[in-house]
Amino acid sequence: MFGQSESVAVTDAMKLVLFDMDNVLCDYDRAKRVACLAELAGTTTAFVHAAIWESGFEALGDSGALDAADYLRGFGERIGYALSLGEWVEARRRSMQADLAMLEMARRLGETVDVAVLTNNTTLVADHIDTLLPDLRPLFGAKIYASAQFKTAKPDPDCYRRCLSELRVAPEHVLFVDDLAANVAGAREAGLFAHHHTSVEAFRQALSAHGLFPR
């Protein structure tokens, strides 16, 4: 545990907690999404998963290599169905369930430091977040970023740097939270403090170690 003076110093230094979204602020069940898409396309879940995720296509959307229109069109072409934007959003929405305990932690943190979201996703996710996960906007306002906006994706250190440039905060004043160890490592390489998310209690302990104590 930190002594009082050291704890205060850490608190003063930490200005932002940057959250991943899927499996941090919400439970993301890709299988539900794939099942919805397969039903629309009249095909198998194995075909959809292979066409989008195993092929590397989704990674092109995450990194911004495809803009939103090309991503949506290509998505439909790959699953053999002219997928509409509304159908894409609905399939994504069905796969997400808010983690109320983590959202409450974010709300409490927001009373004393800035909070923001950086998710590996196409810009469609950020553009339609109010439909996908309406709990986020009241907590994070406009500070909800998809990696595609920065033309790269986690764990590339440039993804974090470009996000923090947008937020106008230096990496040494940021605690990043992600469920994937590779993304945590990328954040640390970019100069951020980072926590590998496994549970609400472990996150609470990490906040304590950094002098952040949500009331």
C-alpha atoms as a PDB file:
ATOM      1  CA  MET A   1       0.000   0.000   0.000  1.00  0.00           C
ATOM      2  CA  PHE A   2       1.083   3.561  -0.663  1.00  0.00           C
ATOM      3  CA  GLY A   3       1.747   5.939   2.176  1.00  0.00           C
ATOM      4  CA  GLN A   4      -0.524   8.977   2.260  1.00  0.00           C
ATOM      5  CA  SER A   5       1.843  11.392   0.533  1.00  0.00           C
ATOM      6  CA  GLU A   6       2.734   8.914  -2.200  1.00  0.00           C
ATOM      7  CA  SER A   7      -0.936   8.068  -2.740  1.00  0.00           C
ATOM      8  CA  VAL A   8      -1.799  11.745  -3.154  1.00  0.00           C
ATOM      9  CA  ALA A   9       1.018  12.172  -5.651  1.00  0.00           C
ATOM     10  CA  VAL A  10      -0.271   9.289  -7.765  1.00  0.00           C
ATOM     11  CA  THR A  11      -3.819  10.651  -7.649  1.00  0.00           C
ATOM     12  CA  ASP A  12      -2.622  14.052  -8.849  1.00  0.00           C
ATOM     13  CA  ALA A  13      -0.712  12.407 -11.704  1.00  0.00           C
ATOM     14  CA  MET A  14      -3.588  10.242 -12.971  1.00  0.00           C
ATOM     15  CA  LYS A  15      -5.933  12.347 -15.105  1.00  0.00           C
ATOM     16  CA  LEU A  16      -7.739   9.794 -17.263  1.00  0.00           C
ATOM     17  CA  VAL A  17      -8.988   6.216 -17.081  1.00  0.00           C
ATOM     18  CA  LEU A  18      -9.313   4.825 -20.612  1.00  0.00           C
ATOM     19  CA  PHE A  19     -11.571   1.787 -20.950  1.00  0.00           C
ATOM     20  CA  ASP A  20     -11.807  -0.909 -23.562  1.00  0.00           C
ATOM     21  CA  MET A  21     -15.488  -1.712 -24.281  1.00  0.00           C
ATOM     22  CA  ASP A  22     -16.090  -5.376 -25.125  1.00  0.00           C
ATOM     23  CA  ASN A  23     -15.672  -7.662 -22.105  1.00  0.00           C
ATOM     24  CA  VAL A  24     -14.791  -4.693 -19.918  1.00  0.00           C
ATOM     25  CA  LEU A  25     -17.789  -2.353 -19.930  1.00  0.00           C
ATOM     26  CA  CYS A  26     -20.057  -4.943 -21.486  1.00  0.00           C
ATOM     27  CA  ASP A  27     -20.175  -8.689 -21.943  1.00  0.00           C
ATOM     28  CA  TYR A  28     -19.698  -9.398 -25.643  1.00  0.00           C
ATOM     29  CA  ASP A  29     -20.967 -12.731 -26.967  1.00  0.00           C
ATOM     30  CA  ARG A  30     -19.719 -13.015 -30.539  1.00  0.00           C
ATOM     31  CA  ALA A  31     -21.535 -16.337 -30.961  1.00  0.00           C
ATOM     32  CA  LYS A  32     -24.900 -14.568 -30.604  1.00  0.00           C
ATOM     33  CA  ARG A  33     -23.887 -12.056 -33.253  1.00  0.00           C
ATOM     34  CA  VAL A  34     -22.691 -14.763 -35.625  1.00  0.00           C
ATOM     35  CA  ALA A  35     -25.906 -16.746 -35.129  1.00  0.00           C
ATOM     36  CA  CYS A  36     -28.003 -13.681 -35.971  1.00  0.00           C
ATOM     37  CA  LEU A  37     -25.970 -12.995 -39.105  1.00  0.00           C
ATOM     38  CA  ALA A  38     -26.096 -16.636 -40.203  1.00  0.00           C
ATOM     39  CA  GLU A  39     -29.875 -16.663 -39.868  1.00  0.00           C
ATOM     40  CA  LEU A  40     -30.174 -13.521 -41.989  1.00  0.00           C
ATOM     41  CA  ALA A  41     -27.859 -14.924 -44.656  1.00  0.00           C
ATOM     42  CA  GLY A  42     -29.390 -18.390 -44.630  1.00  0.00           C
ATOM     43  CA  THR A  43     -26.054 -20.016 -43.978  1.00  0.00           C
ATOM     44  CA  THR A  44     -24.095 -21.631 -41.146  1.00  0.00           C
ATOM     45  CA  THR A  45     -22.414 -19.962 -38.215  1.00  0.00           C
ATOM     46  CA  ALA A  46     -19.144 -21.647 -39.197  1.00  0.00           C
ATOM     47  CA  PHE A  47     -19.329 -20.014 -42.638  1.00  0.00           C
ATOM     48  CA  VAL A  48     -19.987 -16.538 -41.212  1.00  0.00           C
ATOM     49  CA  HIS A  49     -17.234 -16.828 -38.618  1.00  0.00           C
ATOM     50  CA  ALA A  50     -14.731 -17.966 -41.219  1.00  0.00           C
ATOM     51  CA  ALA A  51     -15.764 -15.296 -43.727  1.00  0.00           C
ATOM     52  CA  ILE A  52     -15.493 -12.386 -41.301  1.00  0.00           C
ATOM     53  CA  TRP A  53     -13.210 -13.240 -38.392  1.00  0.00           C
ATOM     54  CA  GLU A  54     -10.937 -16.039 -39.569  1.00  0.00           C
ATOM     55  CA  SER A  55     -10.317 -14.285 -42.883  1.00  0.00           C
ATOM     56  CA  GLY A  56      -8.957 -11.120 -41.278  1.00  0.00           C
ATOM     57  CA  PHE A  57     -11.767  -9.014 -42.724  1.00  0.00           C
ATOM     58  CA  GLU A  58     -12.912  -7.726 -39.321  1.00  0.00           C
ATOM     59  CA  ALA A  59      -9.365  -6.607 -38.580  1.00  0.00           C
ATOM     60  CA  LEU A  60      -9.483  -4.436 -41.715  1.00  0.00           C
ATOM     61  CA  GLY A  61     -12.508  -2.665 -40.270  1.00  0.00           C
ATOM     62  CA  ASP A  62     -10.888  -2.274 -36.851  1.00  0.00           C
ATOM     63  CA  SER A  63      -7.765  -0.693 -38.330  1.00  0.00           C
ATOM     64  CA  GLY A  64      -9.645   1.710 -40.586  1.00  0.00           C
ATOM     65  CA  ALA A  65      -8.252   0.110 -43.735  1.00  0.00           C
ATOM     66  CA  LEU A  66     -11.885   0.047 -44.906  1.00  0.00           C
ATOM     67  CA  ASP A  67     -14.193   3.019 -44.421  1.00  0.00           C
ATOM     68  CA  ALA A  68     -17.661   2.393 -43.014  1.00  0.00           C
ATOM     69  CA  ALA A  69     -19.380   2.050 -46.405  1.00  0.00           C
ATOM     70  CA  ASP A  70     -16.767  -0.330 -47.829  1.00  0.00           C
ATOM     71  CA  TYR A  71     -16.756  -2.326 -44.610  1.00  0.00           C
ATOM     72  CA  LEU A  72     -20.528  -2.813 -44.624  1.00  0.00           C
ATOM     73  CA  ARG A  73     -20.608  -3.675 -48.309  1.00  0.00           C
ATOM     74  CA  GLY A  74     -17.708  -6.091 -47.969  1.00  0.00           C
ATOM     75  CA  PHE A  75     -19.297  -7.682 -44.915  1.00  0.00           C
ATOM     76  CA  GLY A  76     -22.406  -8.505 -46.922  1.00  0.00           C
ATOM     77  CA  GLU A  77     -20.431  -9.779 -49.891  1.00  0.00           C
ATOM     78  CA  ARG A  78     -18.444 -12.130 -47.695  1.00  0.00           C
ATOM     79  CA  ILE A  79     -21.490 -13.707 -46.058  1.00  0.00           C
ATOM     80  CA  GLY A  80     -23.440 -13.784 -49.323  1.00  0.00           C
ATOM     81  CA  TYR A  81     -26.207 -11.462 -48.199  1.00  0.00           C
ATOM     82  CA  ALA A  82     -26.898  -7.766 -48.855  1.00  0.00           C
ATOM     83  CA  LEU A  83     -26.706  -6.793 -45.199  1.00  0.00           C
ATOM     84  CA  SER A  84     -28.302  -3.457 -44.325  1.00  0.00           C
ATOM     85  CA  LEU A  85     -26.846  -1.061 -41.785  1.00  0.00           C
ATOM     86  CA  GLY A  86     -29.829  -1.661 -39.513  1.00  0.00           C
ATOM     87  CA  GLU A  87     -29.306  -5.414 -39.622  1.00  0.00           C
ATOM     88  CA  TRP A  88     -25.602  -5.067 -38.901  1.00  0.00           C
ATOM     89  CA  VAL A  89     -26.322  -2.826 -35.917  1.00  0.00           C
ATOM     90  CA  GLU A  90     -29.031  -5.145 -34.583  1.00  0.00           C
ATOM     91  CA  ALA A  91     -26.797  -8.221 -34.782  1.00  0.00           C
ATOM     92  CA  ARG A  92     -24.077  -6.322 -32.897  1.00  0.00           C
ATOM     93  CA  ARG A  93     -26.568  -5.047 -30.322  1.00  0.00           C
ATOM     94  CA  ARG A  94     -27.842  -8.525 -29.529  1.00  0.00           C
ATOM     95  CA  SER A  95     -24.321  -9.643 -28.659  1.00  0.00           C
ATOM     96  CA  MET A  96     -23.743  -6.947 -26.009  1.00  0.00           C
ATOM     97  CA  GLN A  97     -24.932  -6.747 -22.409  1.00  0.00           C
ATOM     98  CA  ALA A  98     -23.879  -3.903 -20.146  1.00  0.00           C
ATOM     99  CA  ASP A  99     -21.677  -4.784 -17.163  1.00  0.00           C
ATOM    100  CA  LEU A 100     -23.495  -2.701 -14.595  1.00  0.00           C
ATOM    101  CA  ALA A 101     -20.827  -3.092 -11.917  1.00  0.00           C
ATOM    102  CA  MET A 102     -18.084  -1.793 -14.218  1.00  0.00           C
ATOM    103  CA  LEU A 103     -20.289   1.028 -15.464  1.00  0.00           C
ATOM    104  CA  GLU A 104     -20.885   2.074 -11.871  1.00  0.00           C
ATOM    105  CA  MET A 105     -17.127   2.095 -11.298  1.00  0.00           C
ATOM    106  CA  ALA A 106     -16.733   4.284 -14.381  1.00  0.00           C
ATOM    107  CA  ARG A 107     -19.441   6.642 -13.123  1.00  0.00           C
ATOM    108  CA  ARG A 108     -17.715   7.040  -9.782  1.00  0.00           C
ATOM    109  CA  LEU A 109     -14.338   7.552 -11.380  1.00  0.00           C
ATOM    110  CA  GLY A 110     -15.835  10.228 -13.597  1.00  0.00           C
ATOM    111  CA  GLU A 111     -16.514  12.334 -10.521  1.00  0.00           C
ATOM    112  CA  THR A 112     -12.777  12.840  -9.939  1.00  0.00           C
ATOM    113  CA  VAL A 113     -10.930  12.096 -13.218  1.00  0.00           C
ATOM    114  CA  ASP A 114     -11.745  12.013 -16.914  1.00  0.00           C
ATOM    115  CA  VAL A 115     -13.002   8.746 -18.387  1.00  0.00           C
ATOM    116  CA  ALA A 116     -13.058   7.630 -22.033  1.00  0.00           C
ATOM    117  CA  VAL A 117     -13.491   4.524 -24.202  1.00  0.00           C
ATOM    118  CA  LEU A 118     -11.139   3.105 -26.855  1.00  0.00           C
ATOM    119  CA  THR A 119     -12.492  -0.009 -28.581  1.00  0.00           C
ATOM    120  CA  ASN A 120     -11.064  -2.012 -31.464  1.00  0.00           C
ATOM    121  CA  ASN A 121     -13.929  -1.593 -33.919  1.00  0.00           C
ATOM    122  CA  THR A 122     -15.097   0.004 -37.114  1.00  0.00           C
ATOM    123  CA  THR A 123     -16.404   3.556 -36.851  1.00  0.00           C
ATOM    124  CA  LEU A 124     -19.926   2.102 -37.200  1.00  0.00           C
ATOM    125  CA  VAL A 125     -19.711   1.063 -33.551  1.00  0.00           C
ATOM    126  CA  ALA A 126     -18.926   4.569 -32.311  1.00  0.00           C
ATOM    127  CA  ASP A 127     -21.472   6.108 -34.678  1.00  0.00           C
ATOM    128  CA  HIS A 128     -24.276   3.842 -33.414  1.00  0.00           C
ATOM    129  CA  ILE A 129     -23.233   3.417 -29.788  1.00  0.00           C
ATOM    130  CA  ASP A 130     -26.488   4.925 -28.512  1.00  0.00           C
ATOM    131  CA  THR A 131     -28.338   1.981 -30.043  1.00  0.00           C
ATOM    132  CA  LEU A 132     -25.712  -0.646 -29.293  1.00  0.00           C
ATOM    133  CA  LEU A 133     -25.012   0.248 -25.660  1.00  0.00           C
ATOM    134  CA  PRO A 134     -27.044   3.282 -24.543  1.00  0.00           C
ATOM    135  CA  ASP A 135     -25.547   3.137 -21.039  1.00  0.00           C
ATOM    136  CA  LEU A 136     -22.255   4.571 -22.291  1.00  0.00           C
ATOM    137  CA  ARG A 137     -23.223   8.061 -23.469  1.00  0.00           C
ATOM    138  CA  PRO A 138     -24.316   9.387 -20.050  1.00  0.00           C
ATOM    139  CA  LEU A 139     -20.959   8.331 -18.597  1.00  0.00           C
ATOM    140  CA  PHE A 140     -18.504   9.093 -21.394  1.00  0.00           C
ATOM    141  CA  GLY A 141     -20.209  11.757 -23.507  1.00  0.00           C
ATOM    142  CA  ALA A 142     -18.342  12.252 -26.782  1.00  0.00           C
ATOM    143  CA  LYS A 143     -15.227  10.437 -25.513  1.00  0.00           C
ATOM    144  CA  ILE A 144     -16.106   7.097 -27.120  1.00  0.00           C
ATOM    145  CA  TYR A 145     -13.546   6.166 -29.779  1.00  0.00           C
ATOM    146  CA  ALA A 146     -13.295   3.300 -32.248  1.00  0.00           C
ATOM    147  CA  SER A 147      -9.793   2.329 -33.328  1.00  0.00           C
ATOM    148  CA  ALA A 148     -10.697   2.726 -37.017  1.00  0.00           C
ATOM    149  CA  GLN A 149     -10.925   6.479 -36.430  1.00  0.00           C
ATOM    150  CA  PHE A 150      -7.160   6.461 -35.837  1.00  0.00           C
ATOM    151  CA  LYS A 151      -6.337   4.268 -38.863  1.00  0.00           C
ATOM    152  CA  THR A 152      -4.785   1.600 -36.673  1.00  0.00           C
ATOM    153  CA  ALA A 153      -5.852  -0.780 -33.914  1.00  0.00           C
ATOM    154  CA  LYS A 154      -4.721  -1.982 -30.514  1.00  0.00           C
ATOM    155  CA  PRO A 155      -2.130  -3.230 -29.640  1.00  0.00           C
ATOM    156  CA  ASP A 156      -0.271  -0.901 -32.029  1.00  0.00           C
ATOM    157  CA  PRO A 157       1.150   1.798 -29.724  1.00  0.00           C
ATOM    158  CA  ASP A 158       0.161   4.439 -32.274  1.00  0.00           C
ATOM    159  CA  CYS A 159      -3.507   3.655 -31.637  1.00  0.00           C
ATOM    160  CA  TYR A 160      -3.199   4.744 -28.013  1.00  0.00           C
ATOM    161  CA  ARG A 161      -1.018   7.740 -28.856  1.00  0.00           C
ATOM    162  CA  ARG A 162      -3.470   9.050 -31.448  1.00  0.00           C
ATOM    163  CA  CYS A 163      -6.398   8.593 -29.079  1.00  0.00           C
ATOM    164  CA  LEU A 164      -4.591  10.457 -26.306  1.00  0.00           C
ATOM    165  CA  SER A 165      -3.656  13.216 -28.746  1.00  0.00           C
ATOM    166  CA  GLU A 166      -7.370  13.616 -29.441  1.00  0.00           C
ATOM    167  CA  LEU A 167      -8.018  13.715 -25.699  1.00  0.00           C
ATOM    168  CA  ARG A 168      -5.061  16.055 -25.093  1.00  0.00           C
ATOM    169  CA  VAL A 169      -3.587  14.073 -22.248  1.00  0.00           C
ATOM    170  CA  ALA A 170      -0.082  12.670 -21.859  1.00  0.00           C
ATOM    171  CA  PRO A 171       0.268   8.864 -21.602  1.00  0.00           C
ATOM    172  CA  GLU A 172       1.942   9.006 -18.191  1.00  0.00           C
ATOM    173  CA  HIS A 173      -1.310  10.424 -16.785  1.00  0.00           C
ATOM    174  CA  VAL A 174      -3.499   7.589 -18.119  1.00  0.00           C
ATOM    175  CA  LEU A 175      -4.621   4.231 -16.764  1.00  0.00           C
ATOM    176  CA  PHE A 176      -5.833   1.919 -19.560  1.00  0.00           C
ATOM    177  CA  VAL A 177      -8.073  -1.099 -18.906  1.00  0.00           C
ATOM    178  CA  ASP A 178      -8.446  -4.002 -21.355  1.00  0.00           C
ATOM    179  CA  ASP A 179      -9.355  -7.684 -21.151  1.00  0.00           C
ATOM    180  CA  LEU A 180      -6.666  -8.726 -23.658  1.00  0.00           C
ATOM    181  CA  ALA A 181      -3.091  -9.045 -22.439  1.00  0.00           C
ATOM    182  CA  ALA A 182      -1.692  -8.040 -25.838  1.00  0.00           C
ATOM    183  CA  ASN A 183      -3.584  -4.749 -25.729  1.00  0.00           C
ATOM    184  CA  VAL A 184      -2.355  -4.081 -22.210  1.00  0.00           C
ATOM    185  CA  ALA A 185       1.218  -4.663 -23.403  1.00  0.00           C
ATOM    186  CA  GLY A 186       0.693  -2.284 -26.335  1.00  0.00           C
ATOM    187  CA  ALA A 187      -0.590   0.413 -24.017  1.00  0.00           C
ATOM    188  CA  ARG A 188       2.428   0.064 -21.773  1.00  0.00           C
ATOM    189  CA  GLU A 189       4.710   0.294 -24.784  1.00  0.00           C
ATOM    190  CA  ALA A 190       2.968   3.579 -25.636  1.00  0.00           C
ATOM    191  CA  GLY A 191       3.751   4.874 -22.141  1.00  0.00           C
ATOM    192  CA  LEU A 192       0.391   4.395 -20.437  1.00  0.00           C
ATOM    193  CA  PHE A 193      -0.226   2.632 -17.167  1.00  0.00           C
ATOM    194  CA  ALA A 194      -2.360  -0.418 -17.940  1.00  0.00           C
ATOM    195  CA  HIS A 195      -4.476  -3.011 -16.148  1.00  0.00           C
ATOM    196  CA  HIS A 196      -5.395  -6.450 -17.505  1.00  0.00           C
ATOM    197  CA  HIS A 197      -9.083  -6.745 -16.684  1.00  0.00           C
ATOM    198  CA  THR A 198     -10.262 -10.014 -15.169  1.00  0.00           C
ATOM    199  CA  SER A 199     -12.854  -8.957 -12.587  1.00  0.00           C
ATOM    200  CA  VAL A 200     -14.446  -5.932 -10.957  1.00  0.00           C
ATOM    201  CA  GLU A 201     -12.639  -6.659  -7.704  1.00  0.00           C
ATOM    202  CA  ALA A 202      -9.240  -6.872  -9.393  1.00  0.00           C
ATOM    203  CA  PHE A 203      -9.983  -3.581 -11.131  1.00  0.00           C
ATOM    204  CA  ARG A 204     -10.909  -2.010  -7.814  1.00  0.00           C
ATOM    205  CA  GLN A 205      -7.561  -3.134  -6.398  1.00  0.00           C
ATOM    206  CA  ALA A 206      -5.740  -1.675  -9.401  1.00  0.00           C
ATOM    207  CA  LEU A 207      -7.470   1.653  -8.860  1.00  0.00           C
ATOM    208  CA  SER A 208      -6.405   1.579  -5.237  1.00  0.00           C
ATOM    209  CA  ALA A 209      -2.802   0.924  -6.268  1.00  0.00           C
ATOM    210  CA  HIS A 210      -2.939   4.015  -8.480  1.00  0.00           C
ATOM    211  CA  GLY A 211      -4.451   6.189  -5.785  1.00  0.00           C
ATOM    212  CA  LEU A 212      -7.896   6.226  -7.399  1.00  0.00           C
ATOM    213  CA  PHE A 213     -10.666   5.425  -4.993  1.00  0.00           C
ATOM    214  CA  PRO A 214     -14.226   5.600  -6.413  1.00  0.00           C
ATOM    215  CA  ARG A 215     -16.604   6.408  -3.583  1.00  0.00           C
END
